[in-house]
Amino acid sequence: MKIPSSLEWGLLVAATVLNGILAGGSLIKSVVELPARRIIGLPAMAAFHRAADLQTGFLIYPALGLGAPAVTIALGTTFALDRGVSTTAASFAYFAAALSAAHVFATTRAAPNLLILRSGIPEETVLGQVYRGFTQWQTVRAILQVATFLAVVLALASLLPAGQ
């Protein structure tokens, strides 16, 4: 097995860091934030999302949500072009790239639900539909993002010398 190039190591480290941040943030949203709507109510949750996700989050989430998959897909592509890289690491990188593409698709289904809140907070009946749709796709997204992170970590781990 040949030693991965500096580009491959750089992409692998960047994919690990970015996907770790993305997976952690997604877990916080799914496990901490979204369940709070049952306690504080839908209008308060909508106000929170308008103030957070649709303000500062409107810049950070797309950058991270598209940046992590872009780096991960670049990693998979780089490993595909380098036939000398470890088969195990390459397999995990390909899997991570596929999971990243699926995460982007899930985001295209989740995001429009919350984007409705940009124009104001609708009545509770509509908010119920908004949060049902968002929660469903956010759950899928969180699973995909955590799985992507694990696949990238396993790719990295498979390239480290034994005992490190």
N, C-alpha and C. Protein backbone atom coordinates (compact mmCIF):
# COMPACT_ATOMS: atom_id res chain seq x y z
N MET A 1 0.85 -1.19 0.00
CA MET A 1 0.00 0.00 0.00
C MET A 1 0.89 1.24 0.00
N LYS A 2 0.57 2.16 -0.87
CA LYS A 2 1.35 3.40 -0.94
C LYS A 2 0.82 4.40 0.09
N ILE A 3 1.68 5.30 0.49
CA ILE A 3 1.30 6.34 1.45
C ILE A 3 0.45 7.38 0.71
N PRO A 4 -0.68 7.78 1.30
CA PRO A 4 -1.51 8.80 0.66
C PRO A 4 -0.75 10.11 0.46
N SER A 5 -1.10 10.82 -0.60
CA SER A 5 -0.46 12.10 -0.90
C SER A 5 -0.88 13.17 0.11
N SER A 6 -0.19 14.30 0.06
CA SER A 6 -0.55 15.43 0.93
C SER A 6 -1.97 15.91 0.65
N LEU A 7 -2.37 15.90 -0.62
CA LEU A 7 -3.72 16.29 -0.98
C LEU A 7 -4.74 15.34 -0.35
N GLU A 8 -4.47 14.04 -0.45
CA GLU A 8 -5.39 13.05 0.12
C GLU A 8 -5.49 13.20 1.64
N TRP A 9 -4.35 13.37 2.31
CA TRP A 9 -4.38 13.57 3.75
C TRP A 9 -5.14 14.85 4.11
N GLY A 10 -4.87 15.91 3.36
CA GLY A 10 -5.56 17.18 3.61
C GLY A 10 -7.06 17.07 3.45
N LEU A 11 -7.50 16.41 2.38
CA LEU A 11 -8.93 16.21 2.17
C LEU A 11 -9.53 15.33 3.26
N LEU A 12 -8.79 14.31 3.66
CA LEU A 12 -9.27 13.40 4.69
C LEU A 12 -9.42 14.11 6.04
N VAL A 13 -8.45 14.91 6.39
CA VAL A 13 -8.53 15.67 7.65
C VAL A 13 -9.65 16.71 7.58
N ALA A 14 -9.72 17.43 6.46
CA ALA A 14 -10.79 18.44 6.30
C ALA A 14 -12.16 17.78 6.33
N ALA A 15 -12.32 16.64 5.66
CA ALA A 15 -13.60 15.94 5.65
C ALA A 15 -13.96 15.46 7.06
N THR A 16 -12.96 15.01 7.80
CA THR A 16 -13.21 14.55 9.17
C THR A 16 -13.68 15.71 10.05
N VAL A 17 -12.99 16.82 9.99
CA VAL A 17 -13.34 17.98 10.81
C VAL A 17 -14.71 18.54 10.41
N LEU A 18 -14.90 18.79 9.13
CA LEU A 18 -16.17 19.40 8.67
C LEU A 18 -17.36 18.48 8.94
N ASN A 19 -17.20 17.19 8.67
CA ASN A 19 -18.30 16.27 8.92
C ASN A 19 -18.55 16.07 10.41
N GLY A 20 -17.50 16.18 11.23
CA GLY A 20 -17.68 16.12 12.68
C GLY A 20 -18.50 17.29 13.19
N ILE A 21 -18.19 18.48 12.70
CA ILE A 21 -18.95 19.67 13.10
C ILE A 21 -20.39 19.55 12.62
N LEU A 22 -20.56 19.13 11.37
CA LEU A 22 -21.89 18.99 10.79
C LEU A 22 -22.72 17.95 11.54
N ALA A 23 -22.15 16.80 11.82
CA ALA A 23 -22.88 15.74 12.53
C ALA A 23 -23.22 16.18 13.95
N GLY A 24 -22.29 16.84 14.62
CA GLY A 24 -22.56 17.32 15.98
C GLY A 24 -23.68 18.35 16.00
N GLY A 25 -23.63 19.29 15.08
CA GLY A 25 -24.69 20.30 15.00
C GLY A 25 -26.03 19.69 14.67
N SER A 26 -26.03 18.71 13.80
CA SER A 26 -27.27 18.06 13.41
C SER A 26 -27.87 17.28 14.58
N LEU A 27 -27.01 16.62 15.34
CA LEU A 27 -27.50 15.90 16.52
C LEU A 27 -28.09 16.87 17.55
N ILE A 28 -27.44 18.00 17.74
CA ILE A 28 -27.97 19.00 18.68
C ILE A 28 -29.35 19.46 18.22
N LYS A 29 -29.48 19.74 16.93
CA LYS A 29 -30.78 20.19 16.41
C LYS A 29 -31.84 19.10 16.62
N SER A 30 -31.51 17.85 16.31
CA SER A 30 -32.49 16.77 16.38
C SER A 30 -32.82 16.33 17.80
N VAL A 31 -31.81 16.29 18.66
CA VAL A 31 -31.99 15.72 20.00
C VAL A 31 -32.27 16.77 21.06
N VAL A 32 -31.80 18.00 20.86
CA VAL A 32 -31.97 19.04 21.87
C VAL A 32 -33.00 20.08 21.44
N GLU A 33 -32.79 20.70 20.28
CA GLU A 33 -33.63 21.82 19.87
C GLU A 33 -35.06 21.41 19.48
N LEU A 34 -35.18 20.49 18.54
CA LEU A 34 -36.51 20.16 18.03
C LEU A 34 -37.46 19.61 19.09
N PRO A 35 -37.01 18.77 20.01
CA PRO A 35 -37.93 18.31 21.06
C PRO A 35 -38.43 19.45 21.96
N ALA A 36 -37.70 20.55 22.05
CA ALA A 36 -38.11 21.68 22.89
C ALA A 36 -39.41 22.30 22.41
N ARG A 37 -39.77 22.08 21.15
CA ARG A 37 -41.02 22.67 20.63
C ARG A 37 -42.24 22.15 21.39
N ARG A 38 -42.13 20.95 21.93
CA ARG A 38 -43.25 20.38 22.69
C ARG A 38 -43.43 21.09 24.04
N ILE A 39 -42.37 21.72 24.53
CA ILE A 39 -42.43 22.42 25.81
C ILE A 39 -42.75 23.89 25.61
N ILE A 40 -42.07 24.53 24.65
CA ILE A 40 -42.26 25.98 24.49
C ILE A 40 -43.36 26.34 23.50
N GLY A 41 -43.80 25.36 22.70
CA GLY A 41 -44.85 25.62 21.72
C GLY A 41 -44.28 25.97 20.36
N LEU A 42 -45.10 25.76 19.35
CA LEU A 42 -44.66 25.98 17.97
C LEU A 42 -44.37 27.44 17.64
N PRO A 43 -45.20 28.41 18.10
CA PRO A 43 -44.87 29.81 17.78
C PRO A 43 -43.51 30.24 18.36
N ALA A 44 -43.21 29.82 19.57
CA ALA A 44 -41.92 30.17 20.18
C ALA A 44 -40.77 29.49 19.43
N MET A 45 -40.96 28.24 19.03
CA MET A 45 -39.93 27.54 18.27
C MET A 45 -39.71 28.21 16.92
N ALA A 46 -40.81 28.62 16.29
CA ALA A 46 -40.69 29.31 15.01
C ALA A 46 -39.95 30.64 15.18
N ALA A 47 -40.24 31.35 16.26
CA ALA A 47 -39.54 32.61 16.53
C ALA A 47 -38.05 32.35 16.73
N PHE A 48 -37.72 31.28 17.44
CA PHE A 48 -36.31 30.91 17.64
C PHE A 48 -35.64 30.63 16.29
N HIS A 49 -36.29 29.82 15.45
CA HIS A 49 -35.68 29.49 14.16
C HIS A 49 -35.55 30.71 13.25
N ARG A 50 -36.52 31.62 13.33
CA ARG A 50 -36.39 32.87 12.55
C ARG A 50 -35.19 33.68 13.03
N ALA A 51 -34.98 33.72 14.35
CA ALA A 51 -33.90 34.52 14.92
C ALA A 51 -32.53 33.85 14.77
N ALA A 52 -32.50 32.54 14.74
CA ALA A 52 -31.22 31.82 14.70
C ALA A 52 -30.92 31.26 13.30
N ASP A 53 -31.69 30.30 12.88
CA ASP A 53 -31.42 29.59 11.63
C ASP A 53 -31.58 30.48 10.41
N LEU A 54 -32.50 31.43 10.46
CA LEU A 54 -32.74 32.26 9.29
C LEU A 54 -32.02 33.61 9.36
N GLN A 55 -31.13 33.76 10.32
CA GLN A 55 -30.27 34.95 10.40
C GLN A 55 -28.82 34.48 10.22
N THR A 56 -28.10 34.33 11.32
CA THR A 56 -26.70 33.88 11.24
C THR A 56 -26.61 32.50 10.61
N GLY A 57 -27.53 31.62 10.99
CA GLY A 57 -27.54 30.27 10.43
C GLY A 57 -27.72 30.25 8.92
N PHE A 58 -28.35 31.28 8.38
CA PHE A 58 -28.60 31.35 6.95
C PHE A 58 -27.29 31.45 6.16
N LEU A 59 -26.23 31.89 6.82
CA LEU A 59 -24.90 31.95 6.19
C LEU A 59 -24.08 30.71 6.52
N ILE A 60 -24.12 30.31 7.78
CA ILE A 60 -23.26 29.22 8.25
C ILE A 60 -23.74 27.86 7.78
N TYR A 61 -25.04 27.59 7.88
CA TYR A 61 -25.55 26.26 7.52
C TYR A 61 -25.28 25.89 6.06
N PRO A 62 -25.56 26.77 5.10
CA PRO A 62 -25.24 26.38 3.72
C PRO A 62 -23.74 26.18 3.48
N ALA A 63 -22.92 27.03 4.09
CA ALA A 63 -21.48 26.88 3.91
C ALA A 63 -20.99 25.53 4.43
N LEU A 64 -21.43 25.18 5.60
CA LEU A 64 -21.03 23.91 6.20
C LEU A 64 -21.76 22.74 5.55
N GLY A 65 -23.05 22.91 5.29
CA GLY A 65 -23.86 21.84 4.71
C GLY A 65 -23.50 21.50 3.28
N LEU A 66 -22.89 22.44 2.57
CA LEU A 66 -22.40 22.15 1.22
C LEU A 66 -20.89 21.94 1.19
N GLY A 67 -20.18 22.61 2.10
CA GLY A 67 -18.72 22.47 2.16
C GLY A 67 -18.28 21.08 2.56
N ALA A 68 -18.90 20.52 3.59
CA ALA A 68 -18.53 19.17 4.05
C ALA A 68 -18.77 18.13 2.95
N PRO A 69 -19.95 18.13 2.32
CA PRO A 69 -20.13 17.17 1.23
C PRO A 69 -19.17 17.39 0.06
N ALA A 70 -18.89 18.65 -0.27
CA ALA A 70 -17.98 18.92 -1.39
C ALA A 70 -16.59 18.34 -1.11
N VAL A 71 -16.10 18.55 0.11
CA VAL A 71 -14.78 18.01 0.47
C VAL A 71 -14.83 16.48 0.51
N THR A 72 -15.91 15.94 1.02
CA THR A 72 -16.03 14.48 1.13
C THR A 72 -16.13 13.82 -0.24
N ILE A 73 -16.89 14.44 -1.14
CA ILE A 73 -16.98 13.91 -2.51
C ILE A 73 -15.64 14.07 -3.22
N ALA A 74 -14.94 15.17 -2.97
CA ALA A 74 -13.60 15.35 -3.54
C ALA A 74 -12.65 14.27 -3.01
N LEU A 75 -12.78 13.93 -1.74
CA LEU A 75 -11.96 12.87 -1.16
C LEU A 75 -12.24 11.54 -1.86
N GLY A 76 -13.51 11.19 -2.00
CA GLY A 76 -13.86 9.95 -2.69
C GLY A 76 -13.34 9.92 -4.12
N THR A 77 -13.45 11.04 -4.80
CA THR A 77 -12.97 11.14 -6.18
C THR A 77 -11.46 10.98 -6.25
N THR A 78 -10.76 11.63 -5.33
CA THR A 78 -9.30 11.55 -5.30
C THR A 78 -8.84 10.12 -5.03
N PHE A 79 -9.53 9.46 -4.10
CA PHE A 79 -9.18 8.07 -3.80
C PHE A 79 -9.50 7.17 -4.99
N ALA A 80 -10.55 7.47 -5.74
CA ALA A 80 -10.90 6.66 -6.92
C ALA A 80 -9.84 6.81 -8.01
N LEU A 81 -9.27 8.00 -8.13
CA LEU A 81 -8.25 8.24 -9.15
C LEU A 81 -6.89 7.67 -8.77
N ASP A 82 -6.65 7.50 -7.47
CA ASP A 82 -5.38 6.98 -6.99
C ASP A 82 -5.55 5.49 -6.70
N ARG A 83 -5.18 4.68 -7.63
CA ARG A 83 -5.37 3.23 -7.50
C ARG A 83 -4.48 2.59 -6.42
N GLY A 84 -3.50 3.33 -5.92
CA GLY A 84 -2.59 2.76 -4.93
C GLY A 84 -3.04 2.93 -3.48
N VAL A 85 -4.09 3.69 -3.26
CA VAL A 85 -4.54 3.94 -1.89
C VAL A 85 -5.19 2.67 -1.34
N SER A 86 -5.15 2.53 -0.04
CA SER A 86 -5.72 1.37 0.64
C SER A 86 -7.17 1.13 0.19
N THR A 87 -7.47 -0.12 -0.12
CA THR A 87 -8.83 -0.47 -0.54
C THR A 87 -9.83 -0.19 0.57
N THR A 88 -9.43 -0.45 1.80
CA THR A 88 -10.31 -0.19 2.94
C THR A 88 -10.62 1.29 3.06
N ALA A 89 -9.57 2.12 3.04
CA ALA A 89 -9.76 3.57 3.14
C ALA A 89 -10.60 4.08 1.97
N ALA A 90 -10.31 3.60 0.78
CA ALA A 90 -11.06 4.04 -0.40
C ALA A 90 -12.52 3.64 -0.28
N SER A 91 -12.79 2.45 0.20
CA SER A 91 -14.19 1.99 0.35
C SER A 91 -14.95 2.88 1.32
N PHE A 92 -14.32 3.22 2.43
CA PHE A 92 -14.97 4.11 3.40
C PHE A 92 -15.16 5.51 2.79
N ALA A 93 -14.19 5.97 2.02
CA ALA A 93 -14.30 7.29 1.39
C ALA A 93 -15.42 7.31 0.36
N TYR A 94 -15.55 6.25 -0.42
CA TYR A 94 -16.65 6.17 -1.41
C TYR A 94 -17.99 6.16 -0.69
N PHE A 95 -18.08 5.39 0.37
CA PHE A 95 -19.33 5.31 1.14
C PHE A 95 -19.67 6.67 1.72
N ALA A 96 -18.66 7.37 2.27
CA ALA A 96 -18.87 8.71 2.83
C ALA A 96 -19.35 9.68 1.75
N ALA A 97 -18.77 9.58 0.56
CA ALA A 97 -19.18 10.45 -0.55
C ALA A 97 -20.64 10.19 -0.93
N ALA A 98 -21.03 8.94 -0.98
CA ALA A 98 -22.42 8.60 -1.31
C ALA A 98 -23.37 9.10 -0.22
N LEU A 99 -22.98 8.93 1.04
CA LEU A 99 -23.79 9.43 2.15
C LEU A 99 -23.90 10.95 2.09
N SER A 100 -22.83 11.62 1.71
CA SER A 100 -22.86 13.08 1.59
C SER A 100 -23.84 13.53 0.52
N ALA A 101 -23.83 12.84 -0.60
CA ALA A 101 -24.78 13.18 -1.67
C ALA A 101 -26.22 12.98 -1.18
N ALA A 102 -26.44 11.91 -0.43
CA ALA A 102 -27.78 11.66 0.12
C ALA A 102 -28.17 12.74 1.13
N HIS A 103 -27.20 13.19 1.92
CA HIS A 103 -27.46 14.26 2.88
C HIS A 103 -27.87 15.55 2.18
N VAL A 104 -27.22 15.85 1.07
CA VAL A 104 -27.58 17.06 0.32
C VAL A 104 -29.02 16.93 -0.19
N PHE A 105 -29.38 15.75 -0.68
CA PHE A 105 -30.76 15.54 -1.12
C PHE A 105 -31.74 15.73 0.04
N ALA A 106 -31.42 15.14 1.19
CA ALA A 106 -32.31 15.27 2.36
C ALA A 106 -32.45 16.74 2.76
N THR A 107 -31.39 17.50 2.63
CA THR A 107 -31.44 18.93 2.94
C THR A 107 -32.39 19.67 2.00
N THR A 108 -32.41 19.26 0.74
CA THR A 108 -33.33 19.91 -0.20
C THR A 108 -34.79 19.63 0.16
N ARG A 109 -35.03 18.61 0.95
CA ARG A 109 -36.37 18.28 1.41
C ARG A 109 -36.66 18.93 2.77
N ALA A 110 -35.64 19.06 3.62
CA ALA A 110 -35.83 19.63 4.97
C ALA A 110 -35.91 21.15 4.95
N ALA A 111 -34.97 21.78 4.27
CA ALA A 111 -34.83 23.24 4.32
C ALA A 111 -36.08 24.02 3.91
N PRO A 112 -36.78 23.64 2.84
CA PRO A 112 -37.95 24.44 2.46
C PRO A 112 -39.01 24.55 3.57
N ASN A 113 -39.05 23.58 4.45
CA ASN A 113 -40.01 23.65 5.55
C ASN A 113 -39.74 24.87 6.44
N LEU A 114 -38.49 25.06 6.83
CA LEU A 114 -38.17 26.20 7.70
C LEU A 114 -38.09 27.51 6.92
N LEU A 115 -37.78 27.45 5.64
CA LEU A 115 -37.70 28.68 4.86
C LEU A 115 -39.06 29.38 4.77
N ILE A 116 -40.12 28.64 4.99
CA ILE A 116 -41.46 29.24 5.04
C ILE A 116 -41.53 30.33 6.11
N LEU A 117 -40.73 30.16 7.16
CA LEU A 117 -40.76 31.10 8.29
C LEU A 117 -40.13 32.45 7.95
N ARG A 118 -39.44 32.56 6.84
CA ARG A 118 -38.82 33.84 6.47
C ARG A 118 -39.85 34.95 6.32
N SER A 119 -41.02 34.61 5.84
CA SER A 119 -42.04 35.64 5.59
C SER A 119 -42.91 35.91 6.81
N GLY A 120 -42.66 35.22 7.91
CA GLY A 120 -43.44 35.43 9.13
C GLY A 120 -43.81 34.10 9.77
N ILE A 121 -44.45 34.18 10.90
CA ILE A 121 -44.84 32.98 11.63
C ILE A 121 -46.31 32.70 11.32
N PRO A 122 -46.58 31.61 10.63
CA PRO A 122 -47.97 31.29 10.28
C PRO A 122 -48.74 30.74 11.49
N GLU A 123 -50.00 30.47 11.28
CA GLU A 123 -50.84 29.93 12.36
C GLU A 123 -50.35 28.53 12.76
N GLU A 124 -50.77 28.10 13.95
CA GLU A 124 -50.26 26.85 14.52
C GLU A 124 -50.54 25.63 13.66
N THR A 125 -51.65 25.61 12.96
CA THR A 125 -51.95 24.46 12.10
C THR A 125 -50.88 24.32 11.02
N VAL A 126 -50.51 25.43 10.42
CA VAL A 126 -49.47 25.43 9.40
C VAL A 126 -48.12 25.10 10.04
N LEU A 127 -47.85 25.67 11.21
CA LEU A 127 -46.59 25.38 11.91
C LEU A 127 -46.47 23.89 12.21
N GLY A 128 -47.56 23.25 12.56
CA GLY A 128 -47.53 21.81 12.81
C GLY A 128 -47.06 21.05 11.58
N GLN A 129 -47.57 21.44 10.42
CA GLN A 129 -47.14 20.81 9.16
C GLN A 129 -45.68 21.12 8.86
N VAL A 130 -45.29 22.36 9.10
CA VAL A 130 -43.90 22.77 8.87
C VAL A 130 -42.96 21.91 9.70
N TYR A 131 -43.25 21.80 10.98
CA TYR A 131 -42.34 21.07 11.87
C TYR A 131 -42.41 19.56 11.69
N ARG A 132 -43.54 19.03 11.28
CA ARG A 132 -43.60 17.60 10.96
C ARG A 132 -42.69 17.30 9.77
N GLY A 133 -42.82 18.10 8.72
CA GLY A 133 -41.99 17.90 7.54
C GLY A 133 -40.51 18.11 7.82
N PHE A 134 -40.21 19.18 8.55
CA PHE A 134 -38.80 19.45 8.86
C PHE A 134 -38.21 18.35 9.73
N THR A 135 -38.94 17.94 10.77
CA THR A 135 -38.42 16.93 11.69
C THR A 135 -38.18 15.61 10.98
N GLN A 136 -39.08 15.23 10.10
CA GLN A 136 -38.91 13.98 9.36
C GLN A 136 -37.61 13.99 8.55
N TRP A 137 -37.41 15.05 7.78
CA TRP A 137 -36.21 15.12 6.95
C TRP A 137 -34.96 15.44 7.75
N GLN A 138 -35.10 16.17 8.85
CA GLN A 138 -33.95 16.43 9.71
C GLN A 138 -33.45 15.13 10.33
N THR A 139 -34.36 14.24 10.69
CA THR A 139 -33.96 12.95 11.24
C THR A 139 -33.16 12.15 10.22
N VAL A 140 -33.64 12.13 8.99
CA VAL A 140 -32.91 11.44 7.91
C VAL A 140 -31.55 12.08 7.73
N ARG A 141 -31.54 13.39 7.70
CA ARG A 141 -30.30 14.14 7.50
C ARG A 141 -29.30 13.88 8.62
N ALA A 142 -29.77 13.88 9.85
CA ALA A 142 -28.87 13.64 11.00
C ALA A 142 -28.25 12.25 10.91
N ILE A 143 -29.05 11.27 10.57
CA ILE A 143 -28.53 9.90 10.44
C ILE A 143 -27.47 9.84 9.35
N LEU A 144 -27.75 10.45 8.23
CA LEU A 144 -26.78 10.47 7.12
C LEU A 144 -25.50 11.21 7.50
N GLN A 145 -25.63 12.33 8.21
CA GLN A 145 -24.45 13.12 8.58
C GLN A 145 -23.60 12.39 9.61
N VAL A 146 -24.21 11.75 10.57
CA VAL A 146 -23.44 10.97 11.55
C VAL A 146 -22.77 9.79 10.87
N ALA A 147 -23.48 9.11 9.98
CA ALA A 147 -22.90 7.97 9.25
C ALA A 147 -21.73 8.43 8.38
N THR A 148 -21.86 9.59 7.76
CA THR A 148 -20.77 10.14 6.94
C THR A 148 -19.54 10.39 7.80
N PHE A 149 -19.75 11.01 8.95
CA PHE A 149 -18.64 11.27 9.85
C PHE A 149 -17.95 9.96 10.26
N LEU A 150 -18.74 8.97 10.62
CA LEU A 150 -18.16 7.68 11.01
C LEU A 150 -17.38 7.04 9.86
N ALA A 151 -17.91 7.12 8.65
CA ALA A 151 -17.21 6.55 7.50
C ALA A 151 -15.88 7.26 7.24
N VAL A 152 -15.87 8.57 7.40
CA VAL A 152 -14.62 9.32 7.20
C VAL A 152 -13.61 9.00 8.30
N VAL A 153 -14.10 8.89 9.52
CA VAL A 153 -13.19 8.51 10.63
C VAL A 153 -12.62 7.13 10.38
N LEU A 154 -13.43 6.20 9.92
CA LEU A 154 -12.93 4.85 9.63
C LEU A 154 -11.94 4.85 8.48
N ALA A 155 -12.14 5.70 7.47
CA ALA A 155 -11.16 5.85 6.39
C ALA A 155 -9.84 6.34 6.95
N LEU A 156 -9.92 7.35 7.81
CA LEU A 156 -8.71 7.89 8.43
C LEU A 156 -8.02 6.84 9.28
N ALA A 157 -8.79 6.17 10.13
CA ALA A 157 -8.23 5.15 11.02
C ALA A 157 -7.57 4.02 10.25
N SER A 158 -8.14 3.67 9.10
CA SER A 158 -7.57 2.55 8.32
C SER A 158 -6.22 2.91 7.71
N LEU A 159 -5.91 4.18 7.64
CA LEU A 159 -4.63 4.60 7.07
C LEU A 159 -3.54 4.82 8.11
N LEU A 160 -3.94 4.88 9.39
CA LEU A 160 -2.94 5.08 10.44
C LEU A 160 -2.19 3.78 10.70
N PRO A 161 -0.91 3.90 10.98
CA PRO A 161 -0.14 2.69 11.31
C PRO A 161 -0.74 2.01 12.56
N ALA A 162 -0.68 0.71 12.59
CA ALA A 162 -1.20 -0.06 13.73
C ALA A 162 -0.53 0.41 15.01
N GLY A 163 -1.34 0.52 16.06
CA GLY A 163 -0.82 0.92 17.36
C GLY A 163 -0.85 2.42 17.61
N GLN A 164 -1.37 3.19 16.66
CA GLN A 164 -1.43 4.64 16.86
C GLN A 164 -2.84 5.11 17.02
